[in-house]
Every structure is written in C-alpha cells, then in structure tokens.
PDB file of N, CA and C in Angstrom:
ATOM      1  N   MET A   1     -33.436  -8.332 -40.169  1.00  0.00           N
ATOM      2  CA  MET A   1     -32.887  -9.657 -40.036  1.00  0.00           C
ATOM      3  C   MET A   1     -31.426  -9.608 -40.450  1.00  0.00           C
ATOM      4  N   ALA A   2     -30.591 -10.100 -39.612  1.00  0.00           N
ATOM      5  CA  ALA A   2     -29.169 -10.166 -39.949  1.00  0.00           C
ATOM      6  C   ALA A   2     -28.972 -11.138 -41.102  1.00  0.00           C
ATOM      7  N   TYR A   3     -27.864 -10.997 -41.772  1.00  0.00           N
ATOM      8  CA  TYR A   3     -27.513 -11.911 -42.849  1.00  0.00           C
ATOM      9  C   TYR A   3     -26.533 -12.950 -42.324  1.00  0.00           C
ATOM     10  N   LYS A   4     -26.436 -14.056 -43.037  1.00  0.00           N
ATOM     11  CA  LYS A   4     -25.432 -15.070 -42.741  1.00  0.00           C
ATOM     12  C   LYS A   4     -24.861 -15.534 -44.070  1.00  0.00           C
ATOM     13  N   ILE A   5     -23.700 -16.138 -44.020  1.00  0.00           N
ATOM     14  CA  ILE A   5     -23.048 -16.618 -45.230  1.00  0.00           C
ATOM     15  C   ILE A   5     -23.160 -18.139 -45.252  1.00  0.00           C
ATOM     16  N   SER A   6     -23.663 -18.647 -46.357  1.00  0.00           N
ATOM     17  CA  SER A   6     -23.883 -20.089 -46.480  1.00  0.00           C
ATOM     18  C   SER A   6     -22.587 -20.822 -46.811  1.00  0.00           C
ATOM     19  N   ASP A   7     -22.692 -22.129 -46.823  1.00  0.00           N
ATOM     20  CA  ASP A   7     -21.548 -22.973 -47.172  1.00  0.00           C
ATOM     21  C   ASP A   7     -21.149 -22.817 -48.640  1.00  0.00           C
ATOM     22  N   ASP A   8     -21.935 -22.084 -49.418  1.00  0.00           N
ATOM     23  CA  ASP A   8     -21.588 -21.817 -50.817  1.00  0.00           C
ATOM     24  C   ASP A   8     -20.470 -20.783 -50.938  1.00  0.00           C
ATOM     25  N   CYS A   9     -20.052 -20.208 -49.815  1.00  0.00           N
ATOM     26  CA  CYS A   9     -18.989 -19.191 -49.799  1.00  0.00           C
ATOM     27  C   CYS A   9     -17.717 -19.752 -50.416  1.00  0.00           C
ATOM     28  N   LEU A  10     -17.125 -18.968 -51.305  1.00  0.00           N
ATOM     29  CA  LEU A  10     -15.875 -19.346 -51.970  1.00  0.00           C
ATOM     30  C   LEU A  10     -14.652 -18.857 -51.205  1.00  0.00           C
ATOM     31  N   SER A  11     -14.869 -18.142 -50.114  1.00  0.00           N
ATOM     32  CA  SER A  11     -13.791 -17.543 -49.312  1.00  0.00           C
ATOM     33  C   SER A  11     -12.924 -16.599 -50.137  1.00  0.00           C
ATOM     34  N   CYS A  12     -13.549 -15.891 -51.056  1.00  0.00           N
ATOM     35  CA  CYS A  12     -12.800 -14.961 -51.913  1.00  0.00           C
ATOM     36  C   CYS A  12     -12.499 -13.652 -51.186  1.00  0.00           C
ATOM     37  N   GLY A  13     -13.329 -13.298 -50.200  1.00  0.00           N
ATOM     38  CA  GLY A  13     -13.066 -12.116 -49.391  1.00  0.00           C
ATOM     39  C   GLY A  13     -13.574 -10.799 -49.930  1.00  0.00           C
ATOM     40  N   VAL A  14     -14.279 -10.787 -51.066  1.00  0.00           N
ATOM     41  CA  VAL A  14     -14.740  -9.510 -51.606  1.00  0.00           C
ATOM     42  C   VAL A  14     -15.781  -8.832 -50.720  1.00  0.00           C
ATOM     43  N   CYS A  15     -16.476  -9.607 -49.902  1.00  0.00           N
ATOM     44  CA  CYS A  15     -17.529  -9.044 -49.060  1.00  0.00           C
ATOM     45  C   CYS A  15     -16.987  -8.295 -47.846  1.00  0.00           C
ATOM     46  N   GLU A  16     -15.900  -8.767 -47.298  1.00  0.00           N
ATOM     47  CA  GLU A  16     -15.400  -8.229 -46.029  1.00  0.00           C
ATOM     48  C   GLU A  16     -15.193  -6.717 -46.045  1.00  0.00           C
ATOM     49  N   PRO A  17     -14.476  -6.155 -47.019  1.00  0.00           N
ATOM     50  CA  PRO A  17     -14.259  -4.699 -46.989  1.00  0.00           C
ATOM     51  C   PRO A  17     -15.500  -3.879 -47.338  1.00  0.00           C
ATOM     52  N   GLU A  18     -16.528  -4.513 -47.882  1.00  0.00           N
ATOM     53  CA  GLU A  18     -17.749  -3.799 -48.267  1.00  0.00           C
ATOM     54  C   GLU A  18     -18.703  -3.566 -47.101  1.00  0.00           C
ATOM     55  N   CYS A  19     -18.518  -4.287 -46.000  1.00  0.00           N
ATOM     56  CA  CYS A  19     -19.439  -4.187 -44.867  1.00  0.00           C
ATOM     57  C   CYS A  19     -19.186  -2.899 -44.080  1.00  0.00           C
ATOM     58  N   PRO A  20     -20.180  -2.004 -43.998  1.00  0.00           N
ATOM     59  CA  PRO A  20     -19.988  -0.753 -43.270  1.00  0.00           C
ATOM     60  C   PRO A  20     -19.936  -0.946 -41.751  1.00  0.00           C
ATOM     61  N   ASN A  21     -20.297  -2.137 -41.284  1.00  0.00           N
ATOM     62  CA  ASN A  21     -20.343  -2.412 -39.846  1.00  0.00           C
ATOM     63  C   ASN A  21     -19.219  -3.317 -39.366  1.00  0.00           C
ATOM     64  N   GLN A  22     -18.324  -3.677 -40.255  1.00  0.00           N
ATOM     65  CA  GLN A  22     -17.230  -4.603 -39.931  1.00  0.00           C
ATOM     66  C   GLN A  22     -17.775  -5.868 -39.277  1.00  0.00           C
ATOM     67  N   ALA A  23     -18.855  -6.395 -39.855  1.00  0.00           N
ATOM     68  CA  ALA A  23     -19.506  -7.587 -39.317  1.00  0.00           C
ATOM     69  C   ALA A  23     -18.985  -8.880 -39.930  1.00  0.00           C
ATOM     70  N   ILE A  24     -18.167  -8.785 -40.974  1.00  0.00           N
ATOM     71  CA  ILE A  24     -17.721  -9.973 -41.701  1.00  0.00           C
ATOM     72  C   ILE A  24     -16.269 -10.278 -41.372  1.00  0.00           C
ATOM     73  N   SER A  25     -16.017 -11.548 -41.073  1.00  0.00           N
ATOM     74  CA  SER A  25     -14.645 -11.990 -40.801  1.00  0.00           C
ATOM     75  C   SER A  25     -14.507 -13.443 -41.254  1.00  0.00           C
ATOM     76  N   MET A  26     -13.264 -13.873 -41.383  1.00  0.00           N
ATOM     77  CA  MET A  26     -13.007 -15.248 -41.799  1.00  0.00           C
ATOM     78  C   MET A  26     -13.287 -16.183 -40.639  1.00  0.00           C
ATOM     79  N   GLY A  27     -14.064 -17.227 -40.897  1.00  0.00           N
ATOM     80  CA  GLY A  27     -14.347 -18.249 -39.904  1.00  0.00           C
ATOM     81  C   GLY A  27     -13.476 -19.466 -40.159  1.00  0.00           C
ATOM     82  N   ASP A  28     -13.847 -20.571 -39.554  1.00  0.00           N
ATOM     83  CA  ASP A  28     -13.073 -21.805 -39.724  1.00  0.00           C
ATOM     84  C   ASP A  28     -13.136 -22.331 -41.156  1.00  0.00           C
ATOM     85  N   ALA A  29     -14.327 -22.341 -41.746  1.00  0.00           N
ATOM     86  CA  ALA A  29     -14.504 -22.918 -43.076  1.00  0.00           C
ATOM     87  C   ALA A  29     -14.676 -21.867 -44.169  1.00  0.00           C
ATOM     88  N   HIS A  30     -15.262 -20.737 -43.833  1.00  0.00           N
ATOM     89  CA  HIS A  30     -15.502 -19.664 -44.803  1.00  0.00           C
ATOM     90  C   HIS A  30     -15.805 -18.383 -44.035  1.00  0.00           C
ATOM     91  N   PHE A  31     -16.069 -17.306 -44.754  1.00  0.00           N
ATOM     92  CA  PHE A  31     -16.386 -16.039 -44.104  1.00  0.00           C
ATOM     93  C   PHE A  31     -17.708 -16.161 -43.347  1.00  0.00           C
ATOM     94  N   GLU A  32     -17.813 -15.387 -42.267  1.00  0.00           N
ATOM     95  CA  GLU A  32     -18.997 -15.400 -41.417  1.00  0.00           C
ATOM     96  C   GLU A  32     -19.426 -13.969 -41.119  1.00  0.00           C
ATOM     97  N   ILE A  33     -20.693 -13.817 -40.777  1.00  0.00           N
ATOM     98  CA  ILE A  33     -21.242 -12.509 -40.417  1.00  0.00           C
ATOM     99  C   ILE A  33     -21.649 -12.542 -38.950  1.00  0.00           C
ATOM    100  N   ASN A  34     -21.177 -11.563 -38.188  1.00  0.00           N
ATOM    101  CA  ASN A  34     -21.563 -11.419 -36.791  1.00  0.00           C
ATOM    102  C   ASN A  34     -22.956 -10.782 -36.763  1.00  0.00           C
ATOM    103  N   PRO A  35     -23.985 -11.520 -36.329  1.00  0.00           N
ATOM    104  CA  PRO A  35     -25.340 -10.964 -36.350  1.00  0.00           C
ATOM    105  C   PRO A  35     -25.526  -9.760 -35.428  1.00  0.00           C
ATOM    106  N   ASP A  36     -24.664  -9.612 -34.443  1.00  0.00           N
ATOM    107  CA  ASP A  36     -24.760  -8.459 -33.547  1.00  0.00           C
ATOM    108  C   ASP A  36     -24.288  -7.172 -34.225  1.00  0.00           C
ATOM    109  N   ARG A  37     -23.599  -7.297 -35.342  1.00  0.00           N
ATOM    110  CA  ARG A  37     -23.091  -6.127 -36.057  1.00  0.00           C
ATOM    111  C   ARG A  37     -23.776  -5.916 -37.419  1.00  0.00           C
ATOM    112  N   CYS A  38     -24.498  -6.928 -37.897  1.00  0.00           N
ATOM    113  CA  CYS A  38     -25.128  -6.839 -39.219  1.00  0.00           C
ATOM    114  C   CYS A  38     -26.421  -6.033 -39.154  1.00  0.00           C
ATOM    115  N   THR A  39     -26.524  -5.034 -40.025  1.00  0.00           N
ATOM    116  CA  THR A  39     -27.740  -4.232 -40.132  1.00  0.00           C
ATOM    117  C   THR A  39     -28.362  -4.360 -41.523  1.00  0.00           C
ATOM    118  N   GLU A  40     -27.918  -5.340 -42.315  1.00  0.00           N
ATOM    119  CA  GLU A  40     -28.354  -5.486 -43.698  1.00  0.00           C
ATOM    120  C   GLU A  40     -28.028  -4.223 -44.492  1.00  0.00           C
ATOM    121  N   CYS A  41     -27.078  -3.457 -44.018  1.00  0.00           N
ATOM    122  CA  CYS A  41     -26.662  -2.183 -44.621  1.00  0.00           C
ATOM    123  C   CYS A  41     -27.750  -1.109 -44.553  1.00  0.00           C
ATOM    124  N   VAL A  42     -28.779  -1.339 -43.714  1.00  0.00           N
ATOM    125  CA  VAL A  42     -29.840  -0.346 -43.520  1.00  0.00           C
ATOM    126  C   VAL A  42     -29.202   0.937 -42.997  1.00  0.00           C
ATOM    127  N   GLY A  43     -29.577   2.043 -43.615  1.00  0.00           N
ATOM    128  CA  GLY A  43     -29.030   3.334 -43.238  1.00  0.00           C
ATOM    129  C   GLY A  43     -27.765   3.690 -43.995  1.00  0.00           C
ATOM    130  N   PHE A  44     -27.231   2.744 -44.754  1.00  0.00           N
ATOM    131  CA  PHE A  44     -26.035   2.981 -45.560  1.00  0.00           C
ATOM    132  C   PHE A  44     -26.319   2.811 -47.051  1.00  0.00           C
ATOM    133  N   PHE A  45     -26.937   1.690 -47.414  1.00  0.00           N
ATOM    134  CA  PHE A  45     -27.175   1.338 -48.815  1.00  0.00           C
ATOM    135  C   PHE A  45     -28.595   0.788 -48.972  1.00  0.00           C
ATOM    136  N   ASP A  46     -29.063   0.727 -50.212  1.00  0.00           N
ATOM    137  CA  ASP A  46     -30.393   0.206 -50.499  1.00  0.00           C
ATOM    138  C   ASP A  46     -30.473  -1.311 -50.395  1.00  0.00           C
ATOM    139  N   GLN A  47     -29.318  -1.983 -50.476  1.00  0.00           N
ATOM    140  CA  GLN A  47     -29.291  -3.436 -50.377  1.00  0.00           C
ATOM    141  C   GLN A  47     -28.021  -3.881 -49.671  1.00  0.00           C
ATOM    142  N   PRO A  48     -28.044  -5.054 -49.070  1.00  0.00           N
ATOM    143  CA  PRO A  48     -26.845  -5.552 -48.396  1.00  0.00           C
ATOM    144  C   PRO A  48     -25.676  -5.675 -49.375  1.00  0.00           C
ATOM    145  N   GLN A  49     -24.591  -5.025 -49.054  1.00  0.00           N
ATOM    146  CA  GLN A  49     -23.441  -4.993 -49.953  1.00  0.00           C
ATOM    147  C   GLN A  49     -22.749  -6.343 -50.073  1.00  0.00           C
ATOM    148  N   CYS A  50     -22.766  -7.132 -48.998  1.00  0.00           N
ATOM    149  CA  CYS A  50     -22.120  -8.444 -49.063  1.00  0.00           C
ATOM    150  C   CYS A  50     -22.750  -9.290 -50.167  1.00  0.00           C
ATOM    151  N   ARG A  51     -24.054  -9.259 -50.242  1.00  0.00           N
ATOM    152  CA  ARG A  51     -24.755 -10.052 -51.265  1.00  0.00           C
ATOM    153  C   ARG A  51     -24.538  -9.468 -52.654  1.00  0.00           C
ATOM    154  N   SER A  52     -24.510  -8.153 -52.754  1.00  0.00           N
ATOM    155  CA  SER A  52     -24.393  -7.533 -54.082  1.00  0.00           C
ATOM    156  C   SER A  52     -23.018  -7.751 -54.703  1.00  0.00           C
ATOM    157  N   VAL A  53     -21.982  -7.934 -53.895  1.00  0.00           N
ATOM    158  CA  VAL A  53     -20.640  -8.144 -54.460  1.00  0.00           C
ATOM    159  C   VAL A  53     -20.239  -9.611 -54.529  1.00  0.00           C
ATOM    160  N   CYS A  54     -20.976 -10.486 -53.880  1.00  0.00           N
ATOM    161  CA  CYS A  54     -20.610 -11.905 -53.817  1.00  0.00           C
ATOM    162  C   CYS A  54     -20.818 -12.580 -55.173  1.00  0.00           C
ATOM    163  N   PRO A  55     -19.778 -13.215 -55.704  1.00  0.00           N
ATOM    164  CA  PRO A  55     -19.932 -13.897 -56.995  1.00  0.00           C
ATOM    165  C   PRO A  55     -20.777 -15.164 -56.900  1.00  0.00           C
ATOM    166  N   ASN A  56     -21.039 -15.633 -55.694  1.00  0.00           N
ATOM    167  CA  ASN A  56     -21.769 -16.884 -55.507  1.00  0.00           C
ATOM    168  C   ASN A  56     -23.087 -16.688 -54.762  1.00  0.00           C
ATOM    169  N   GLU A  57     -23.432 -15.443 -54.456  1.00  0.00           N
ATOM    170  CA  GLU A  57     -24.650 -15.111 -53.707  1.00  0.00           C
ATOM    171  C   GLU A  57     -24.764 -15.925 -52.418  1.00  0.00           C
ATOM    172  N   ALA A  58     -23.636 -16.106 -51.727  1.00  0.00           N
ATOM    173  CA  ALA A  58     -23.616 -16.891 -50.487  1.00  0.00           C
ATOM    174  C   ALA A  58     -24.293 -16.180 -49.312  1.00  0.00           C
ATOM    175  N   PRO A  59     -24.185 -14.851 -49.180  1.00  0.00           N
ATOM    176  CA  PRO A  59     -24.880 -14.197 -48.062  1.00  0.00           C
ATOM    177  C   PRO A  59     -26.386 -14.149 -48.319  1.00  0.00           C
ATOM    178  N   GLY A  60     -27.150 -14.391 -47.259  1.00  0.00           N
ATOM    179  CA  GLY A  60     -28.598 -14.309 -47.350  1.00  0.00           C
ATOM    180  C   GLY A  60     -29.194 -14.093 -45.981  1.00  0.00           C
ATOM    181  N   PRO A  61     -30.480 -13.811 -45.918  1.00  0.00           N
ATOM    182  CA  PRO A  61     -31.138 -13.561 -44.639  1.00  0.00           C
ATOM    183  C   PRO A  61     -30.989 -14.747 -43.679  1.00  0.00           C
ATOM    184  N   ASP A  62     -30.786 -14.428 -42.415  1.00  0.00           N
ATOM    185  CA  ASP A  62     -30.642 -15.444 -41.374  1.00  0.00           C
ATOM    186  C   ASP A  62     -31.946 -15.501 -40.586  1.00  0.00           C
ATOM    187  N   PRO A  63     -32.777 -16.515 -40.815  1.00  0.00           N
ATOM    188  CA  PRO A  63     -34.067 -16.583 -40.124  1.00  0.00           C
ATOM    189  C   PRO A  63     -33.948 -16.685 -38.605  1.00  0.00           C
ATOM    190  N   ALA A  64     -32.787 -17.016 -38.110  1.00  0.00           N
ATOM    191  CA  ALA A  64     -32.582 -17.099 -36.659  1.00  0.00           C
ATOM    192  C   ALA A  64     -32.398 -15.726 -36.030  1.00  0.00           C
ATOM    193  N   HIS A  65     -32.233 -14.689 -36.858  1.00  0.00           N
ATOM    194  CA  HIS A  65     -32.014 -13.333 -36.344  1.00  0.00           C
ATOM    195  C   HIS A  65     -32.946 -12.343 -37.040  1.00  0.00           C
ATOM    196  N   LYS A  66     -34.239 -12.485 -36.804  1.00  0.00           N
ATOM    197  CA  LYS A  66     -35.226 -11.597 -37.414  1.00  0.00           C
ATOM    198  C   LYS A  66     -35.245 -10.262 -36.687  1.00  0.00           C
ATOM    199  N   GLU A  67     -35.214  -9.182 -37.462  1.00  0.00           N
ATOM    200  CA  GLU A  67     -35.256  -7.826 -36.905  1.00  0.00           C
ATOM    201  C   GLU A  67     -36.084  -6.945 -37.828  1.00  0.00           C
ATOM    202  N   THR A  68     -36.762  -5.990 -37.243  1.00  0.00           N
ATOM    203  CA  THR A  68     -37.536  -5.029 -38.024  1.00  0.00           C
ATOM    204  C   THR A  68     -36.607  -3.943 -38.558  1.00  0.00           C
ATOM    205  N   GLN A  69     -37.120  -3.158 -39.458  1.00  0.00           N
ATOM    206  CA  GLN A  69     -36.377  -2.024 -40.008  1.00  0.00           C
ATOM    207  C   GLN A  69     -35.966  -1.079 -38.871  1.00  0.00           C
ATOM    208  N   GLU A  70     -36.864  -0.856 -37.933  1.00  0.00           N
ATOM    209  CA  GLU A  70     -36.587   0.028 -36.805  1.00  0.00           C
ATOM    210  C   GLU A  70     -35.468  -0.540 -35.931  1.00  0.00           C
ATOM    211  N   GLU A  71     -35.488  -1.849 -35.692  1.00  0.00           N
ATOM    212  CA  GLU A  71     -34.438  -2.483 -34.897  1.00  0.00           C
ATOM    213  C   GLU A  71     -33.079  -2.401 -35.603  1.00  0.00           C
ATOM    214  N   LEU A  72     -33.087  -2.558 -36.916  1.00  0.00           N
ATOM    215  CA  LEU A  72     -31.833  -2.449 -37.675  1.00  0.00           C
ATOM    216  C   LEU A  72     -31.284  -1.024 -37.620  1.00  0.00           C
ATOM    217  N   LEU A  73     -32.176  -0.040 -37.717  1.00  0.00           N
ATOM    218  CA  LEU A  73     -31.730   1.358 -37.616  1.00  0.00           C
ATOM    219  C   LEU A  73     -31.200   1.674 -36.216  1.00  0.00           C
ATOM    220  N   ALA A  74     -31.832   1.113 -35.189  1.00  0.00           N
ATOM    221  CA  ALA A  74     -31.353   1.319 -33.821  1.00  0.00           C
ATOM    222  C   ALA A  74     -29.982   0.670 -33.624  1.00  0.00           C
ATOM    223  N   LYS A  75     -29.790  -0.498 -34.220  1.00  0.00           N
ATOM    224  CA  LYS A  75     -28.489  -1.167 -34.128  1.00  0.00           C
ATOM    225  C   LYS A  75     -27.426  -0.319 -34.830  1.00  0.00           C
ATOM    226  N   LYS A  76     -27.775   0.225 -36.002  1.00  0.00           N
ATOM    227  CA  LYS A  76     -26.850   1.110 -36.726  1.00  0.00           C
ATOM    228  C   LYS A  76     -26.454   2.297 -35.854  1.00  0.00           C
ATOM    229  N   ALA A  77     -27.431   2.880 -35.166  1.00  0.00           N
ATOM    230  CA  ALA A  77     -27.169   4.047 -34.314  1.00  0.00           C
ATOM    231  C   ALA A  77     -26.239   3.669 -33.152  1.00  0.00           C
ATOM    232  N   ARG A  78     -26.382   2.451 -32.622  1.00  0.00           N
ATOM    233  CA  ARG A  78     -25.505   2.006 -31.529  1.00  0.00           C
ATOM    234  C   ARG A  78     -24.072   1.762 -32.043  1.00  0.00           C
ATOM    235  N   LEU A  79     -23.975   1.212 -33.260  1.00  0.00           N
ATOM    236  CA  LEU A  79     -22.658   0.905 -33.822  1.00  0.00           C
ATOM    237  C   LEU A  79     -21.922   2.142 -34.331  1.00  0.00           C
ATOM    238  N   HIS A  80     -22.691   3.147 -34.739  1.00  0.00           N
ATOM    239  CA  HIS A  80     -22.118   4.374 -35.324  1.00  0.00           C
ATOM    240  C   HIS A  80     -22.720   5.594 -34.651  1.00  0.00           C
ATOM    241  N   PRO A  81     -22.333   5.864 -33.392  1.00  0.00           N
ATOM    242  CA  PRO A  81     -22.933   6.994 -32.671  1.00  0.00           C
ATOM    243  C   PRO A  81     -22.565   8.352 -33.275  1.00  0.00           C
TER     244      PRO A  81
END
C-alpha cells in the first residue's frame, strides 16, 4: 500500500530527501507522495523512511492504494532496474 501525507504535515521537508524512490514532492498545501512511485521503502528499509523521520507522523498508509508485498517489490524493480 502506498503512503500518503495527511494534512498534519508541517511542510518541514525532512521526508523528501529520505525517499529512495523520489516519490515525495511539495504540493499546494503540503508535501505529497506519488503513489505510483511509493513502495513503502520495501526492498530498501524495514520501515517507510518518510514516517520514521517525520516529526508529526503525517505520512501513513493510503487505503486507496492497497498493494501486496510482491506488488511493492515489483514496483521497486520497475523504478530501479
């Protein structure tokens, strides 16, 4: 499942450089995660780095983009051949 950033985002930007998939960018109101690029850091880290560095725990699972572990690994392989 891809992650998304809630309205609790402080727009501090600490999450953006931590994403191994370059899925995070500044949106109109706060930072956003591109679900087509988010792999929950599967294949890179044990936990999503955006959430682990966020001082407000704004990133969380996006129920609109449910994916299995296998699908996340396949997405990682497509993004990082």
